[in-house]
């Protein structure tokens, strides 16, 4: 999973921890909650920013 994410994006060394967290979330069918907008570039990762009120409102609908 990690290899697939790395090959589909231009990840630098400091992005490897993000890839690892994203891969874990994908493998376990989880949403990744983070305020780091870099997760948006990984299309396979379901990512939400818990501090973004727009996302919070959309989740309640």
PDB file of N, CA and C in Angstrom:
ATOM      1  N   UNK A   1       0.829  -1.187   0.000  1.00  0.00           N
ATOM      2  CA  UNK A   1       0.000   0.000   0.000  1.00  0.00           C
ATOM      3  C   UNK A   1       0.879   1.258   0.000  1.00  0.00           C
ATOM      4  N   UNK A   2       1.894   1.261   0.825  1.00  0.00           N
ATOM      5  CA  UNK A   2       2.775   2.426   0.891  1.00  0.00           C
ATOM      6  C   UNK A   2       3.435   2.668  -0.463  1.00  0.00           C
ATOM      7  N   UNK A   3       3.920   1.604  -1.091  1.00  0.00           N
ATOM      8  CA  UNK A   3       4.561   1.741  -2.405  1.00  0.00           C
ATOM      9  C   UNK A   3       3.610   2.340  -3.429  1.00  0.00           C
ATOM     10  N   UNK A   4       2.353   1.920  -3.381  1.00  0.00           N
ATOM     11  CA  UNK A   4       1.368   2.421  -4.345  1.00  0.00           C
ATOM     12  C   UNK A   4       1.131   3.920  -4.145  1.00  0.00           C
ATOM     13  N   UNK A   5       1.025   4.362  -2.901  1.00  0.00           N
ATOM     14  CA  UNK A   5       0.808   5.784  -2.637  1.00  0.00           C
ATOM     15  C   UNK A   5       2.034   6.591  -3.058  1.00  0.00           C
ATOM     16  N   UNK A   6       3.213   6.093  -2.715  1.00  0.00           N
ATOM     17  CA  UNK A   6       4.441   6.805  -3.071  1.00  0.00           C
ATOM     18  C   UNK A   6       4.586   6.926  -4.583  1.00  0.00           C
ATOM     19  N   UNK A   7       4.291   5.858  -5.296  1.00  0.00           N
ATOM     20  CA  UNK A   7       4.450   5.897  -6.755  1.00  0.00           C
ATOM     21  C   UNK A   7       3.401   6.776  -7.436  1.00  0.00           C
ATOM     22  N   UNK A   8       2.262   7.010  -6.789  1.00  0.00           N
ATOM     23  CA  UNK A   8       1.217   7.825  -7.417  1.00  0.00           C
ATOM     24  C   UNK A   8       1.353   9.313  -7.089  1.00  0.00           C
ATOM     25  N   UNK A   9       2.292   9.675  -6.225  1.00  0.00           N
ATOM     26  CA  UNK A   9       2.510  11.077  -5.871  1.00  0.00           C
ATOM     27  C   UNK A   9       4.005  11.365  -5.869  1.00  0.00           C
ATOM     28  N   UNK A  10       4.349  12.609  -5.719  1.00  0.00           N
ATOM     29  CA  UNK A  10       5.768  12.983  -5.657  1.00  0.00           C
ATOM     30  C   UNK A  10       6.141  13.244  -4.202  1.00  0.00           C
ATOM     31  N   UNK A  11       6.268  12.182  -3.446  1.00  0.00           N
ATOM     32  CA  UNK A  11       6.548  12.284  -2.018  1.00  0.00           C
ATOM     33  C   UNK A  11       8.036  12.496  -1.795  1.00  0.00           C
ATOM     34  N   UNK A  12       8.342  13.469  -0.945  1.00  0.00           N
ATOM     35  CA  UNK A  12       9.719  13.705  -0.513  1.00  0.00           C
ATOM     36  C   UNK A  12       9.913  12.998   0.830  1.00  0.00           C
ATOM     37  N   UNK A  13      11.130  12.989   1.319  1.00  0.00           N
ATOM     38  CA  UNK A  13      11.469  12.274   2.550  1.00  0.00           C
ATOM     39  C   UNK A  13      10.598  12.683   3.735  1.00  0.00           C
ATOM     40  N   UNK A  14      10.307  13.971   3.873  1.00  0.00           N
ATOM     41  CA  UNK A  14       9.505  14.411   5.017  1.00  0.00           C
ATOM     42  C   UNK A  14       8.030  14.043   4.880  1.00  0.00           C
ATOM     43  N   UNK A  15       7.608  13.538   3.720  1.00  0.00           N
ATOM     44  CA  UNK A  15       6.222  13.114   3.518  1.00  0.00           C
ATOM     45  C   UNK A  15       5.989  11.641   3.788  1.00  0.00           C
ATOM     46  N   UNK A  16       7.056  10.894   4.016  1.00  0.00           N
ATOM     47  CA  UNK A  16       6.923   9.451   4.242  1.00  0.00           C
ATOM     48  C   UNK A  16       6.055   9.136   5.463  1.00  0.00           C
ATOM     49  N   UNK A  17       6.203   9.851   6.590  1.00  0.00           N
ATOM     50  CA  UNK A  17       5.296   9.564   7.716  1.00  0.00           C
ATOM     51  C   UNK A  17       3.818   9.764   7.359  1.00  0.00           C
ATOM     52  N   UNK A  18       3.510  10.770   6.542  1.00  0.00           N
ATOM     53  CA  UNK A  18       2.130  10.978   6.103  1.00  0.00           C
ATOM     54  C   UNK A  18       1.649   9.806   5.261  1.00  0.00           C
ATOM     55  N   UNK A  19       2.514   9.323   4.387  1.00  0.00           N
ATOM     56  CA  UNK A  19       2.163   8.170   3.547  1.00  0.00           C
ATOM     57  C   UNK A  19       1.900   6.953   4.416  1.00  0.00           C
ATOM     58  N   UNK A  20       2.727   6.760   5.415  1.00  0.00           N
ATOM     59  CA  UNK A  20       2.552   5.617   6.306  1.00  0.00           C
ATOM     60  C   UNK A  20       1.213   5.703   7.036  1.00  0.00           C
ATOM     61  N   UNK A  21       0.885   6.871   7.586  1.00  0.00           N
ATOM     62  CA  UNK A  21      -0.407   7.040   8.260  1.00  0.00           C
ATOM     63  C   UNK A  21      -1.572   6.843   7.294  1.00  0.00           C
ATOM     64  N   UNK A  22      -1.434   7.375   6.088  1.00  0.00           N
ATOM     65  CA  UNK A  22      -2.477   7.199   5.084  1.00  0.00           C
ATOM     66  C   UNK A  22      -2.680   5.742   4.721  1.00  0.00           C
ATOM     67  N   UNK A  23      -1.588   5.011   4.561  1.00  0.00           N
ATOM     68  CA  UNK A  23      -1.672   3.587   4.221  1.00  0.00           C
ATOM     69  C   UNK A  23      -2.350   2.804   5.342  1.00  0.00           C
ATOM     70  N   UNK A  24      -2.021   3.109   6.580  1.00  0.00           N
ATOM     71  CA  UNK A  24      -2.675   2.444   7.714  1.00  0.00           C
ATOM     72  C   UNK A  24      -4.171   2.723   7.723  1.00  0.00           C
ATOM     73  N   UNK A  25      -4.549   3.962   7.467  1.00  0.00           N
ATOM     74  CA  UNK A  25      -5.975   4.312   7.439  1.00  0.00           C
ATOM     75  C   UNK A  25      -6.697   3.546   6.332  1.00  0.00           C
ATOM     76  N   UNK A  26      -6.084   3.477   5.152  1.00  0.00           N
ATOM     77  CA  UNK A  26      -6.690   2.747   4.029  1.00  0.00           C
ATOM     78  C   UNK A  26      -6.840   1.272   4.368  1.00  0.00           C
ATOM     79  N   UNK A  27      -5.771   0.674   4.868  1.00  0.00           N
ATOM     80  CA  UNK A  27      -5.787  -0.764   5.161  1.00  0.00           C
ATOM     81  C   UNK A  27      -6.818  -1.145   6.211  1.00  0.00           C
ATOM     82  N   UNK A  28      -7.119  -0.218   7.117  1.00  0.00           N
ATOM     83  CA  UNK A  28      -8.071  -0.522   8.183  1.00  0.00           C
ATOM     84  C   UNK A  28      -9.442   0.098   7.946  1.00  0.00           C
ATOM     85  N   UNK A  29      -9.630   0.728   6.781  1.00  0.00           N
ATOM     86  CA  UNK A  29     -10.923   1.306   6.433  1.00  0.00           C
ATOM     87  C   UNK A  29     -11.327   2.476   7.319  1.00  0.00           C
ATOM     88  N   UNK A  30     -10.346   3.283   7.710  1.00  0.00           N
ATOM     89  CA  UNK A  30     -10.596   4.393   8.620  1.00  0.00           C
ATOM     90  C   UNK A  30     -10.485   5.742   7.926  1.00  0.00           C
ATOM     91  N   UNK A  31     -11.105   6.748   8.531  1.00  0.00           N
ATOM     92  CA  UNK A  31     -10.916   8.128   8.103  1.00  0.00           C
ATOM     93  C   UNK A  31      -9.727   8.677   8.863  1.00  0.00           C
ATOM     94  N   UNK A  32      -8.884   9.392   8.179  1.00  0.00           N
ATOM     95  CA  UNK A  32      -7.736  10.011   8.812  1.00  0.00           C
ATOM     96  C   UNK A  32      -8.125  11.422   9.215  1.00  0.00           C
ATOM     97  N   UNK A  33      -7.994  11.742  10.484  1.00  0.00           N
ATOM     98  CA  UNK A  33      -8.331  13.068  11.007  1.00  0.00           C
ATOM     99  C   UNK A  33      -7.038  13.832  11.261  1.00  0.00           C
ATOM    100  N   UNK A  34      -6.874  14.948  10.587  1.00  0.00           N
ATOM    101  CA  UNK A  34      -5.666  15.743  10.730  1.00  0.00           C
ATOM    102  C   UNK A  34      -5.930  17.158  10.239  1.00  0.00           C
ATOM    103  N   UNK A  35      -5.191  18.099  10.791  1.00  0.00           N
ATOM    104  CA  UNK A  35      -5.269  19.476  10.307  1.00  0.00           C
ATOM    105  C   UNK A  35      -4.232  19.732   9.219  1.00  0.00           C
ATOM    106  N   UNK A  36      -3.458  18.717   8.865  1.00  0.00           N
ATOM    107  CA  UNK A  36      -2.416  18.828   7.841  1.00  0.00           C
ATOM    108  C   UNK A  36      -3.039  18.707   6.452  1.00  0.00           C
ATOM    109  N   UNK A  37      -3.052  19.786   5.674  1.00  0.00           N
ATOM    110  CA  UNK A  37      -3.686  19.743   4.357  1.00  0.00           C
ATOM    111  C   UNK A  37      -2.951  18.872   3.342  1.00  0.00           C
ATOM    112  N   UNK A  38      -1.747  18.416   3.655  1.00  0.00           N
ATOM    113  CA  UNK A  38      -1.007  17.556   2.731  1.00  0.00           C
ATOM    114  C   UNK A  38      -1.728  16.235   2.464  1.00  0.00           C
ATOM    115  N   UNK A  39      -2.588  15.793   3.378  1.00  0.00           N
ATOM    116  CA  UNK A  39      -3.302  14.536   3.167  1.00  0.00           C
ATOM    117  C   UNK A  39      -4.283  14.614   2.000  1.00  0.00           C
ATOM    118  N   UNK A  40      -4.671  15.816   1.609  1.00  0.00           N
ATOM    119  CA  UNK A  40      -5.602  15.980   0.492  1.00  0.00           C
ATOM    120  C   UNK A  40      -5.005  15.505  -0.829  1.00  0.00           C
ATOM    121  N   UNK A  41      -3.684  15.449  -0.923  1.00  0.00           N
ATOM    122  CA  UNK A  41      -3.074  15.023  -2.186  1.00  0.00           C
ATOM    123  C   UNK A  41      -3.059  13.510  -2.381  1.00  0.00           C
ATOM    124  N   UNK A  42      -3.464  12.766  -1.370  1.00  0.00           N
ATOM    125  CA  UNK A  42      -3.531  11.308  -1.486  1.00  0.00           C
ATOM    126  C   UNK A  42      -4.984  10.914  -1.740  1.00  0.00           C
ATOM    127  N   UNK A  43      -5.304  10.674  -2.986  1.00  0.00           N
ATOM    128  CA  UNK A  43      -6.694  10.447  -3.398  1.00  0.00           C
ATOM    129  C   UNK A  43      -7.346   9.255  -2.697  1.00  0.00           C
ATOM    130  N   UNK A  44      -6.577   8.247  -2.375  1.00  0.00           N
ATOM    131  CA  UNK A  44      -7.142   7.043  -1.767  1.00  0.00           C
ATOM    132  C   UNK A  44      -7.463   7.209  -0.285  1.00  0.00           C
ATOM    133  N   UNK A  45      -6.900   8.227   0.338  1.00  0.00           N
ATOM    134  CA  UNK A  45      -7.082   8.433   1.777  1.00  0.00           C
ATOM    135  C   UNK A  45      -8.352   9.238   2.034  1.00  0.00           C
ATOM    136  N   UNK A  46      -9.216   8.712   2.892  1.00  0.00           N
ATOM    137  CA  UNK A  46     -10.374   9.473   3.339  1.00  0.00           C
ATOM    138  C   UNK A  46      -9.892  10.350   4.476  1.00  0.00           C
ATOM    139  N   UNK A  47      -9.804  11.637   4.213  1.00  0.00           N
ATOM    140  CA  UNK A  47      -9.187  12.588   5.129  1.00  0.00           C
ATOM    141  C   UNK A  47     -10.170  13.665   5.531  1.00  0.00           C
ATOM    142  N   UNK A  48     -10.228  13.966   6.814  1.00  0.00           N
ATOM    143  CA  UNK A  48     -11.049  15.077   7.277  1.00  0.00           C
ATOM    144  C   UNK A  48     -10.232  15.935   8.236  1.00  0.00           C
ATOM    145  N   UNK A  49     -10.511  17.219   8.194  1.00  0.00           N
ATOM    146  CA  UNK A  49      -9.904  18.160   9.114  1.00  0.00           C
ATOM    147  C   UNK A  49     -10.929  18.398  10.221  1.00  0.00           C
ATOM    148  N   UNK A  50     -10.647  17.938  11.439  1.00  0.00           N
ATOM    149  CA  UNK A  50     -11.642  18.066  12.513  1.00  0.00           C
ATOM    150  C   UNK A  50     -11.928  19.511  12.914  1.00  0.00           C
ATOM    151  N   UNK A  51     -11.086  20.446  12.497  1.00  0.00           N
ATOM    152  CA  UNK A  51     -11.302  21.846  12.835  1.00  0.00           C
ATOM    153  C   UNK A  51     -12.018  22.621  11.734  1.00  0.00           C
ATOM    154  N   UNK A  52     -12.301  21.958  10.621  1.00  0.00           N
ATOM    155  CA  UNK A  52     -12.982  22.595   9.498  1.00  0.00           C
ATOM    156  C   UNK A  52     -14.490  22.472   9.717  1.00  0.00           C
ATOM    157  N   UNK A  53     -15.127  23.566  10.049  1.00  0.00           N
ATOM    158  CA  UNK A  53     -16.552  23.552  10.350  1.00  0.00           C
ATOM    159  C   UNK A  53     -17.403  23.128   9.162  1.00  0.00           C
ATOM    160  N   UNK A  54     -16.944  23.409   7.947  1.00  0.00           N
ATOM    161  CA  UNK A  54     -17.710  23.010   6.752  1.00  0.00           C
ATOM    162  C   UNK A  54     -17.795  21.499   6.670  1.00  0.00           C
ATOM    163  N   UNK A  55     -16.704  20.806   6.960  1.00  0.00           N
ATOM    164  CA  UNK A  55     -16.722  19.342   6.925  1.00  0.00           C
ATOM    165  C   UNK A  55     -17.599  18.796   8.037  1.00  0.00           C
ATOM    166  N   UNK A  56     -17.569  19.440   9.193  1.00  0.00           N
ATOM    167  CA  UNK A  56     -18.380  19.000  10.321  1.00  0.00           C
ATOM    168  C   UNK A  56     -19.861  19.112   9.977  1.00  0.00           C
ATOM    169  N   UNK A  57     -20.259  20.208   9.346  1.00  0.00           N
ATOM    170  CA  UNK A  57     -21.648  20.406   8.944  1.00  0.00           C
ATOM    171  C   UNK A  57     -22.069  19.390   7.886  1.00  0.00           C
ATOM    172  N   UNK A  58     -21.180  19.111   6.936  1.00  0.00           N
ATOM    173  CA  UNK A  58     -21.491  18.152   5.866  1.00  0.00           C
ATOM    174  C   UNK A  58     -21.692  16.760   6.439  1.00  0.00           C
ATOM    175  N   UNK A  59     -20.968  16.412   7.481  1.00  0.00           N
ATOM    176  CA  UNK A  59     -21.082  15.098   8.095  1.00  0.00           C
ATOM    177  C   UNK A  59     -22.376  14.892   8.834  1.00  0.00           C
ATOM    178  N   UNK A  60     -23.023  15.978   9.221  1.00  0.00           N
ATOM    179  CA  UNK A  60     -24.286  15.877   9.966  1.00  0.00           C
ATOM    180  C   UNK A  60     -25.488  15.722   9.060  1.00  0.00           C
ATOM    181  N   UNK A  61     -25.327  16.040   7.792  1.00  0.00           N
ATOM    182  CA  UNK A  61     -26.466  16.006   6.858  1.00  0.00           C
ATOM    183  C   UNK A  61     -26.929  14.606   6.594  1.00  0.00           C
TER     184      UNK A  61
END
